[in-house]
């Protein structure tokens, strides 16, 4: 267990959950499911049976470092503060070299902070297999989720199901990665049986991911590797501030995983959702007799159906004749949008920024 590490990526802004998720307090720091825990706290707790808590690190933006410490009660040096948002590849490089300064034989699980996983026992089994395979081989492992619908909002992984790895449950080489498909393609993926949703959860050893960065992202690898002896010293923060100015904004999927030839997928069903939209959150919220998913608030509906409602405590809403809408009241902002238009939230935010500045963002 001492070689096991976890890196939680908590640097996103969660703009699709606006107006509840804001720059000052993005969705990973909110109790958006109404469970009494924030998504970050749920993610942290999920890994406690799998990894010593002193080996869990969180990568977040510098402005949110104190929030992470407050919510998790972890040591300050276990929160890696990014000076700029640069997508997941620089995040992986930073955390890898940090862990390497502690244990060069480390096995690392990298996970987003804001996903939902409801089958904890299946999840633990999959991560344990990932750690075992990463220890035995120079492999980059990812979790693929068995799809139950033709989803167009997720990326897909095609597994080489003719070459399962002996001694493991549903571990296979990866054939291809595919970005978010259109509906017809998503239907074909579902029918084929060998395509899985890309969870964005990875397991690898320090040497394996360093080699992947060196071979496929040398422009990112080189500046981090030149400072490998600085990690864990008083000069780390200034080194990171300087190094991040040299980093392009690119995902680890595009930068390494889609190019490497030592990528494997654990095909599983862990009850996963990336909680990327209000509709995805509504799917995990009990509905009333009219199909309204009431996440929070006192809602009285008449001739309504299939709405998603999130209201602040003490707020009463009476709604008549509205169907298939997202209704979110954050106090200073009311969002009232047809569910079919929820992908336009970023467009709304761009327009608000132009007219109102950053006040409501």
Protein backbone atom coordinates (compact mmCIF):
# COMPACT_ATOMS: atom_id res chain seq x y z
CA UNK A 1 0.00 0.00 0.00
CA UNK A 2 2.89 2.41 0.64
CA UNK A 3 3.56 2.64 -3.12
CA UNK A 4 -0.01 3.62 -3.87
CA UNK A 5 -0.80 7.27 -4.51
CA UNK A 6 -3.88 9.17 -5.66
CA UNK A 7 -4.00 12.51 -7.47
CA UNK A 8 -7.36 14.28 -7.47
CA UNK A 9 -7.76 16.87 -10.23
CA UNK A 10 -9.89 19.70 -8.81
CA UNK A 11 -9.01 22.62 -11.07
CA UNK A 12 -12.11 22.93 -13.26
CA UNK A 13 -14.57 25.82 -13.24
CA UNK A 14 -17.77 23.77 -13.77
CA UNK A 15 -19.27 26.40 -16.06
CA UNK A 16 -22.06 24.08 -17.26
CA UNK A 17 -23.44 24.12 -13.69
CA UNK A 18 -23.76 27.89 -13.66
CA UNK A 19 -25.26 29.78 -11.87
CA UNK A 20 -24.68 27.48 -8.88
CA UNK A 21 -21.06 26.83 -9.86
CA UNK A 22 -19.03 30.06 -9.98
CA UNK A 23 -15.36 30.92 -10.45
CA UNK A 24 -15.01 31.60 -6.73
CA UNK A 25 -16.63 28.26 -5.81
CA UNK A 26 -16.79 25.72 -8.67
CA UNK A 27 -18.98 22.63 -8.57
CA UNK A 28 -16.36 20.28 -7.09
CA UNK A 29 -16.53 22.32 -3.87
CA UNK A 30 -20.34 22.21 -3.69
CA UNK A 31 -22.74 19.69 -2.17
CA UNK A 32 -24.47 19.57 -5.50
CA UNK A 33 -26.06 16.15 -4.83
CA UNK A 34 -27.51 17.16 -1.46
CA UNK A 35 -25.67 14.39 0.41
CA UNK A 36 -23.96 16.53 3.05
CA UNK A 37 -20.62 16.19 1.27
CA UNK A 38 -19.09 18.16 -1.57
CA UNK A 39 -18.06 16.27 -4.70
CA UNK A 40 -14.41 16.71 -3.68
CA UNK A 41 -15.09 15.25 -0.25
CA UNK A 42 -16.89 12.29 -1.80
CA UNK A 43 -13.96 11.63 -4.13
CA UNK A 44 -11.43 11.84 -1.30
CA UNK A 45 -13.45 9.44 0.88
CA UNK A 46 -13.87 7.04 -2.05
CA UNK A 47 -10.11 6.41 -2.14
CA UNK A 48 -9.43 5.99 1.58
CA UNK A 49 -9.83 2.18 1.44
CA UNK A 50 -7.43 2.03 -1.53
CA UNK A 51 -4.54 4.29 -0.60
CA UNK A 52 -2.93 5.69 2.57
CA UNK A 53 -4.45 9.12 3.18
CA UNK A 54 -0.98 10.65 3.45
CA UNK A 55 -0.45 9.60 -0.19
CA UNK A 56 -3.45 11.52 -1.55
CA UNK A 57 -2.72 14.79 -3.37
CA UNK A 58 -5.09 17.35 -4.83
CA UNK A 59 -4.26 19.59 -7.78
CA UNK A 60 -6.31 22.78 -7.93
CA UNK A 61 -6.03 26.42 -8.92
CA UNK A 62 -4.05 28.66 -6.59
CA UNK A 63 -7.19 30.63 -5.68
CA UNK A 64 -8.89 27.48 -4.36
CA UNK A 65 -6.04 25.95 -2.35
CA UNK A 66 -7.43 27.12 0.99
CA UNK A 67 -10.87 25.70 0.15
CA UNK A 68 -9.34 22.25 -0.48
CA UNK A 69 -7.47 22.36 2.82
CA UNK A 70 -10.62 23.45 4.65
CA UNK A 71 -12.86 20.78 3.09
CA UNK A 72 -10.46 17.84 3.39
CA UNK A 73 -8.31 18.80 6.37
CA UNK A 74 -5.16 17.72 4.54
CA UNK A 75 -1.67 19.15 4.80
CA UNK A 76 -0.89 22.24 2.75
CA UNK A 77 1.96 20.54 0.88
CA UNK A 78 -0.51 17.90 -0.37
CA UNK A 79 -2.43 20.56 -2.30
CA UNK A 80 -0.66 21.41 -5.55
CA UNK A 81 -1.65 24.90 -6.63
CA UNK A 82 -1.61 25.60 -10.36
CA UNK A 83 -0.87 29.24 -11.22
CA UNK A 84 -2.88 28.96 -14.46
CA UNK A 85 -5.46 26.54 -15.83
CA UNK A 86 -3.74 24.48 -18.50
CA UNK A 87 -5.97 21.41 -18.88
CA UNK A 88 -4.99 17.95 -17.62
CA UNK A 89 -1.58 17.25 -19.21
CA UNK A 90 0.36 19.88 -17.18
CA UNK A 91 -1.64 18.79 -14.13
CA UNK A 92 -0.46 15.20 -14.65
CA UNK A 93 3.14 16.30 -15.20
CA UNK A 94 3.18 18.48 -12.07
CA UNK A 95 1.68 15.79 -9.83
CA UNK A 96 3.89 13.04 -11.29
CA UNK A 97 7.09 14.89 -10.51
CA UNK A 98 5.79 15.80 -7.07
CA UNK A 99 5.05 12.15 -6.27
CA UNK A 100 8.37 11.09 -7.83
CA UNK A 101 10.20 13.30 -5.33
CA UNK A 102 8.62 11.18 -2.58
CA UNK A 103 8.60 7.71 -4.14
CA UNK A 104 10.08 7.01 -7.57
CA UNK A 105 8.39 3.57 -7.59
CA UNK A 106 4.94 5.03 -6.96
CA UNK A 107 1.75 3.77 -8.58
CA UNK A 108 -0.65 6.66 -9.18
CA UNK A 109 -4.38 6.80 -9.76
CA UNK A 110 -5.42 10.11 -11.34
CA UNK A 111 -9.08 11.04 -11.01
CA UNK A 112 -11.37 14.02 -11.52
CA UNK A 113 -12.81 15.52 -8.34
CA UNK A 114 -16.36 15.94 -9.57
CA UNK A 115 -17.60 12.57 -10.80
CA UNK A 116 -20.28 10.35 -9.31
CA UNK A 117 -19.59 6.67 -8.58
CA UNK A 118 -22.30 4.70 -6.83
CA UNK A 119 -20.90 1.14 -6.91
CA UNK A 120 -18.05 1.52 -4.44
CA UNK A 121 -17.25 -2.21 -4.24
CA UNK A 122 -16.95 -2.57 -8.03
CA UNK A 123 -14.90 0.63 -8.15
CA UNK A 124 -12.45 -0.65 -5.53
CA UNK A 125 -12.05 -3.92 -7.43
CA UNK A 126 -11.28 -2.06 -10.66
CA UNK A 127 -8.74 0.29 -9.06
CA UNK A 128 -7.04 -2.60 -7.26
CA UNK A 129 -6.66 -4.38 -10.61
CA UNK A 130 -5.32 -1.18 -12.14
CA UNK A 131 -2.68 -0.82 -9.44
CA UNK A 132 -1.69 -4.48 -9.81
CA UNK A 133 -1.32 -4.29 -13.58
CA UNK A 134 0.55 -0.97 -13.43
CA UNK A 135 3.00 -2.55 -10.98
CA UNK A 136 3.56 -5.60 -13.17
CA UNK A 137 3.90 -3.85 -16.53
CA UNK A 138 4.94 -0.62 -18.20
CA UNK A 139 1.31 0.24 -18.92
CA UNK A 140 -0.99 3.25 -18.97
CA UNK A 141 -4.36 2.07 -17.69
CA UNK A 142 -7.72 3.80 -17.94
CA UNK A 143 -11.21 2.89 -16.78
CA UNK A 144 -13.82 2.36 -19.48
CA UNK A 145 -17.48 2.46 -18.47
CA UNK A 146 -19.98 0.07 -20.02
CA UNK A 147 -22.50 2.31 -21.83
CA UNK A 148 -26.24 1.91 -21.32
CA UNK A 149 -27.37 4.46 -23.92
CA UNK A 150 -26.04 6.14 -27.08
CA UNK A 151 -24.50 9.11 -25.24
CA UNK A 152 -23.09 11.93 -27.38
CA UNK A 153 -21.60 13.89 -24.50
CA UNK A 154 -18.80 11.43 -23.66
CA UNK A 155 -15.64 10.29 -25.38
CA UNK A 156 -15.35 6.56 -26.18
CA UNK A 157 -12.66 3.90 -25.87
CA UNK A 158 -12.66 0.86 -28.15
CA UNK A 159 -11.33 -2.22 -26.37
CA UNK A 160 -9.45 -5.00 -28.16
CA UNK A 161 -11.83 -7.68 -26.86
CA UNK A 162 -10.02 -10.45 -28.75
CA UNK A 163 -6.94 -9.95 -26.56
CA UNK A 164 -8.05 -9.96 -22.90
CA UNK A 165 -5.21 -9.99 -20.38
CA UNK A 166 -5.08 -13.27 -18.48
CA UNK A 167 -5.46 -13.07 -14.73
CA UNK A 168 -7.57 -9.93 -14.87
CA UNK A 169 -11.27 -9.23 -15.15
CA UNK A 170 -12.06 -7.39 -18.40
CA UNK A 171 -8.64 -5.79 -18.89
CA UNK A 172 -7.82 -5.32 -22.57
CA UNK A 173 -5.53 -3.34 -24.87
CA UNK A 174 -7.05 -0.17 -26.30
CA UNK A 175 -7.74 -0.09 -30.03
CA UNK A 176 -8.91 3.49 -30.47
CA UNK A 177 -10.04 6.63 -28.69
CA UNK A 178 -12.95 8.57 -30.18
CA UNK A 179 -14.08 12.07 -29.27
CA UNK A 180 -17.74 12.83 -28.62
CA UNK A 181 -19.66 11.22 -31.51
CA UNK A 182 -22.92 12.23 -33.16
CA UNK A 183 -26.04 10.26 -32.26
CA UNK A 184 -25.86 7.78 -35.15
CA UNK A 185 -22.24 6.95 -34.39
CA UNK A 186 -23.03 6.62 -30.67
CA UNK A 187 -25.77 4.11 -31.54
CA UNK A 188 -23.27 2.07 -33.57
CA UNK A 189 -20.81 2.16 -30.66
CA UNK A 190 -23.49 0.87 -28.29
CA UNK A 191 -24.51 -1.94 -30.66
CA UNK A 192 -20.91 -3.05 -31.27
CA UNK A 193 -20.33 -3.99 -27.65
CA UNK A 194 -16.61 -3.14 -27.66
CA UNK A 195 -16.86 0.62 -27.06
CA UNK A 196 -16.83 2.09 -23.55
CA UNK A 197 -17.24 5.58 -22.15
CA UNK A 198 -13.97 7.29 -21.31
CA UNK A 199 -14.12 7.95 -17.56
CA UNK A 200 -11.00 10.11 -17.36
CA UNK A 201 -9.69 7.93 -14.51
CA UNK A 202 -6.14 6.63 -15.01
CA UNK A 203 -3.70 4.29 -13.24
CA UNK A 204 0.02 4.12 -14.01
CA UNK A 205 3.47 3.97 -12.48
CA UNK A 206 5.74 7.00 -12.26
CA UNK A 207 8.20 5.54 -14.83
CA UNK A 208 5.38 4.65 -17.26
CA UNK A 209 3.77 8.09 -17.35
CA UNK A 210 7.14 9.86 -17.41
CA UNK A 211 8.08 7.77 -20.44
CA UNK A 212 4.74 8.61 -22.04
CA UNK A 213 5.33 12.33 -21.53
CA UNK A 214 8.89 12.11 -22.82
CA UNK A 215 7.90 10.20 -25.97
CA UNK A 216 4.72 12.04 -26.89
CA UNK A 217 4.90 15.46 -25.20
CA UNK A 218 8.60 16.40 -25.10
CA UNK A 219 7.77 20.13 -24.95
CA UNK A 220 5.95 19.48 -21.67
CA UNK A 221 8.29 16.79 -20.36
CA UNK A 222 11.53 18.73 -20.75
CA UNK A 223 10.85 21.76 -18.52
CA UNK A 224 9.42 19.59 -15.74
CA UNK A 225 12.25 17.08 -15.95
CA UNK A 226 14.89 19.80 -15.82
CA UNK A 227 13.51 20.75 -12.39
CA UNK A 228 12.97 17.26 -10.98
CA UNK A 229 15.34 17.95 -8.07
CA UNK A 230 13.43 21.11 -7.10
CA UNK A 231 10.23 19.31 -6.13
CA UNK A 232 9.84 19.06 -2.38
CA UNK A 233 12.20 22.00 -1.81
CA UNK A 234 11.48 25.69 -0.98
CA UNK A 235 12.02 26.53 -4.66
CA UNK A 236 9.12 24.39 -5.91
CA UNK A 237 6.47 27.13 -6.01
CA UNK A 238 8.55 29.59 -8.01
CA UNK A 239 9.66 26.80 -10.35
CA UNK A 240 6.03 25.83 -11.02
CA UNK A 241 5.04 29.46 -11.58
CA UNK A 242 7.75 29.78 -14.21
CA UNK A 243 7.22 26.36 -15.80
CA UNK A 244 3.47 26.82 -16.27
CA UNK A 245 4.11 29.84 -18.49
CA UNK A 246 5.72 27.38 -20.93
CA UNK A 247 2.83 24.91 -20.88
CA UNK A 248 0.22 24.64 -23.61
CA UNK A 249 -3.36 23.90 -22.62
CA UNK A 250 -3.83 20.27 -23.66
CA UNK A 251 -5.46 17.17 -22.21
CA UNK A 252 -3.51 14.09 -21.19
CA UNK A 253 -5.89 12.05 -23.38
CA UNK A 254 -4.93 13.93 -26.52
CA UNK A 255 -1.29 14.47 -25.56
CA UNK A 256 -0.39 10.92 -24.47
CA UNK A 257 -3.17 8.36 -24.24
CA UNK A 258 -4.33 8.60 -27.86
CA UNK A 259 -0.75 8.29 -29.15
CA UNK A 260 0.85 5.66 -26.89
CA UNK A 261 0.92 1.95 -27.77
CA UNK A 262 0.94 0.67 -24.17
CA UNK A 263 -2.58 1.78 -23.20
CA UNK A 264 -5.03 -0.66 -21.61
CA UNK A 265 -8.61 -0.33 -20.45
CA UNK A 266 -10.41 -1.91 -17.53
CA UNK A 267 -13.99 -2.37 -18.77
CA UNK A 268 -16.35 -2.00 -15.86
CA UNK A 269 -19.68 -0.73 -14.57
CA UNK A 270 -19.07 1.35 -11.45
CA UNK A 271 -22.28 3.36 -11.54
CA UNK A 272 -20.43 6.31 -13.06
CA UNK A 273 -21.47 9.74 -14.26
CA UNK A 274 -19.24 12.72 -14.96
CA UNK A 275 -22.04 15.01 -13.72
CA UNK A 276 -21.22 17.32 -16.58
CA UNK A 277 -24.65 18.89 -17.03
CA UNK A 278 -27.83 19.66 -15.11
CA UNK A 279 -29.54 16.84 -17.02
CA UNK A 280 -26.91 14.32 -15.90
CA UNK A 281 -27.45 15.47 -12.33
CA UNK A 282 -31.21 15.16 -12.80
CA UNK A 283 -30.77 11.51 -13.78
CA UNK A 284 -29.45 10.81 -10.28
CA UNK A 285 -32.17 12.75 -8.45
CA UNK A 286 -35.48 11.11 -7.43
CA UNK A 287 -38.37 12.46 -9.48
CA UNK A 288 -41.88 13.38 -8.36
CA UNK A 289 -45.01 11.88 -9.90
CA UNK A 290 -44.71 14.22 -12.89
CA UNK A 291 -41.06 13.38 -13.54
CA UNK A 292 -39.69 16.61 -12.05
CA UNK A 293 -36.23 16.12 -10.52
CA UNK A 294 -36.20 18.37 -7.46
CA UNK A 295 -32.56 18.62 -6.40
CA UNK A 296 -33.25 21.26 -3.77
CA UNK A 297 -36.06 23.59 -2.77
CA UNK A 298 -39.81 23.75 -2.17
CA UNK A 299 -41.40 23.20 -5.57
CA UNK A 300 -45.11 23.22 -6.35
CA UNK A 301 -45.82 22.26 -9.95
CA UNK A 302 -49.04 22.31 -11.95
CA UNK A 303 -49.18 20.84 -15.45
CA UNK A 304 -45.40 20.39 -15.27
CA UNK A 305 -43.14 17.51 -16.18
CA UNK A 306 -39.50 16.46 -16.52
CA UNK A 307 -38.12 19.72 -15.16
CA UNK A 308 -34.88 19.91 -13.15
CA UNK A 309 -35.22 22.21 -10.16
CA UNK A 310 -32.57 23.59 -7.80
CA UNK A 311 -33.71 26.32 -5.39
CA UNK A 312 -32.05 27.83 -2.34
CA UNK A 313 -33.27 26.96 1.14
CA UNK A 314 -36.37 28.90 2.12
CA UNK A 315 -37.35 29.59 -1.51
CA UNK A 316 -40.80 28.48 -2.66
CA UNK A 317 -41.48 28.16 -6.39
CA UNK A 318 -44.91 27.75 -7.93
CA UNK A 319 -44.70 26.75 -11.60
CA UNK A 320 -47.59 26.13 -14.01
CA UNK A 321 -47.35 24.71 -17.52
CA UNK A 322 -43.59 24.33 -17.78
CA UNK A 323 -42.10 21.09 -19.09
CA UNK A 324 -38.56 19.94 -19.87
CA UNK A 325 -36.92 23.02 -18.34
CA UNK A 326 -33.94 23.65 -16.08
CA UNK A 327 -34.89 25.95 -13.20
CA UNK A 328 -31.97 27.07 -11.03
CA UNK A 329 -32.07 29.95 -8.55
CA UNK A 330 -28.72 30.84 -6.97
CA UNK A 331 -29.96 33.94 -5.15
CA UNK A 332 -28.60 36.60 -7.46
CA UNK A 333 -29.23 34.68 -10.71
CA UNK A 334 -32.26 32.81 -12.03
CA UNK A 335 -31.64 30.33 -14.86
CA UNK A 336 -34.72 29.25 -16.81
CA UNK A 337 -33.69 27.25 -19.90
CA UNK A 338 -35.20 24.43 -21.98
CA UNK A 339 -33.29 21.25 -21.29
CA UNK A 340 -32.57 20.86 -24.98
CA UNK A 341 -30.59 24.13 -24.84
CA UNK A 342 -28.45 23.42 -21.78
CA UNK A 343 -25.32 23.11 -23.93
CA UNK A 344 -25.74 26.84 -24.62
CA UNK A 345 -24.84 27.80 -21.03
CA UNK A 346 -21.29 28.71 -22.07
CA UNK A 347 -22.73 30.93 -24.80
CA UNK A 348 -24.93 32.65 -22.22
CA UNK A 349 -21.90 33.20 -20.01
CA UNK A 350 -19.93 34.81 -22.83
CA UNK A 351 -22.77 37.25 -23.42
CA UNK A 352 -23.12 38.01 -19.71
CA UNK A 353 -19.38 38.65 -19.44
CA UNK A 354 -19.63 41.19 -22.26
CA UNK A 355 -22.58 43.04 -20.72
CA UNK A 356 -22.04 42.59 -16.96
CA UNK A 357 -18.34 41.84 -16.51
CA UNK A 358 -17.39 39.08 -14.08
CA UNK A 359 -19.93 39.99 -11.39
CA UNK A 360 -22.21 36.99 -12.05
CA UNK A 361 -19.55 34.51 -13.13
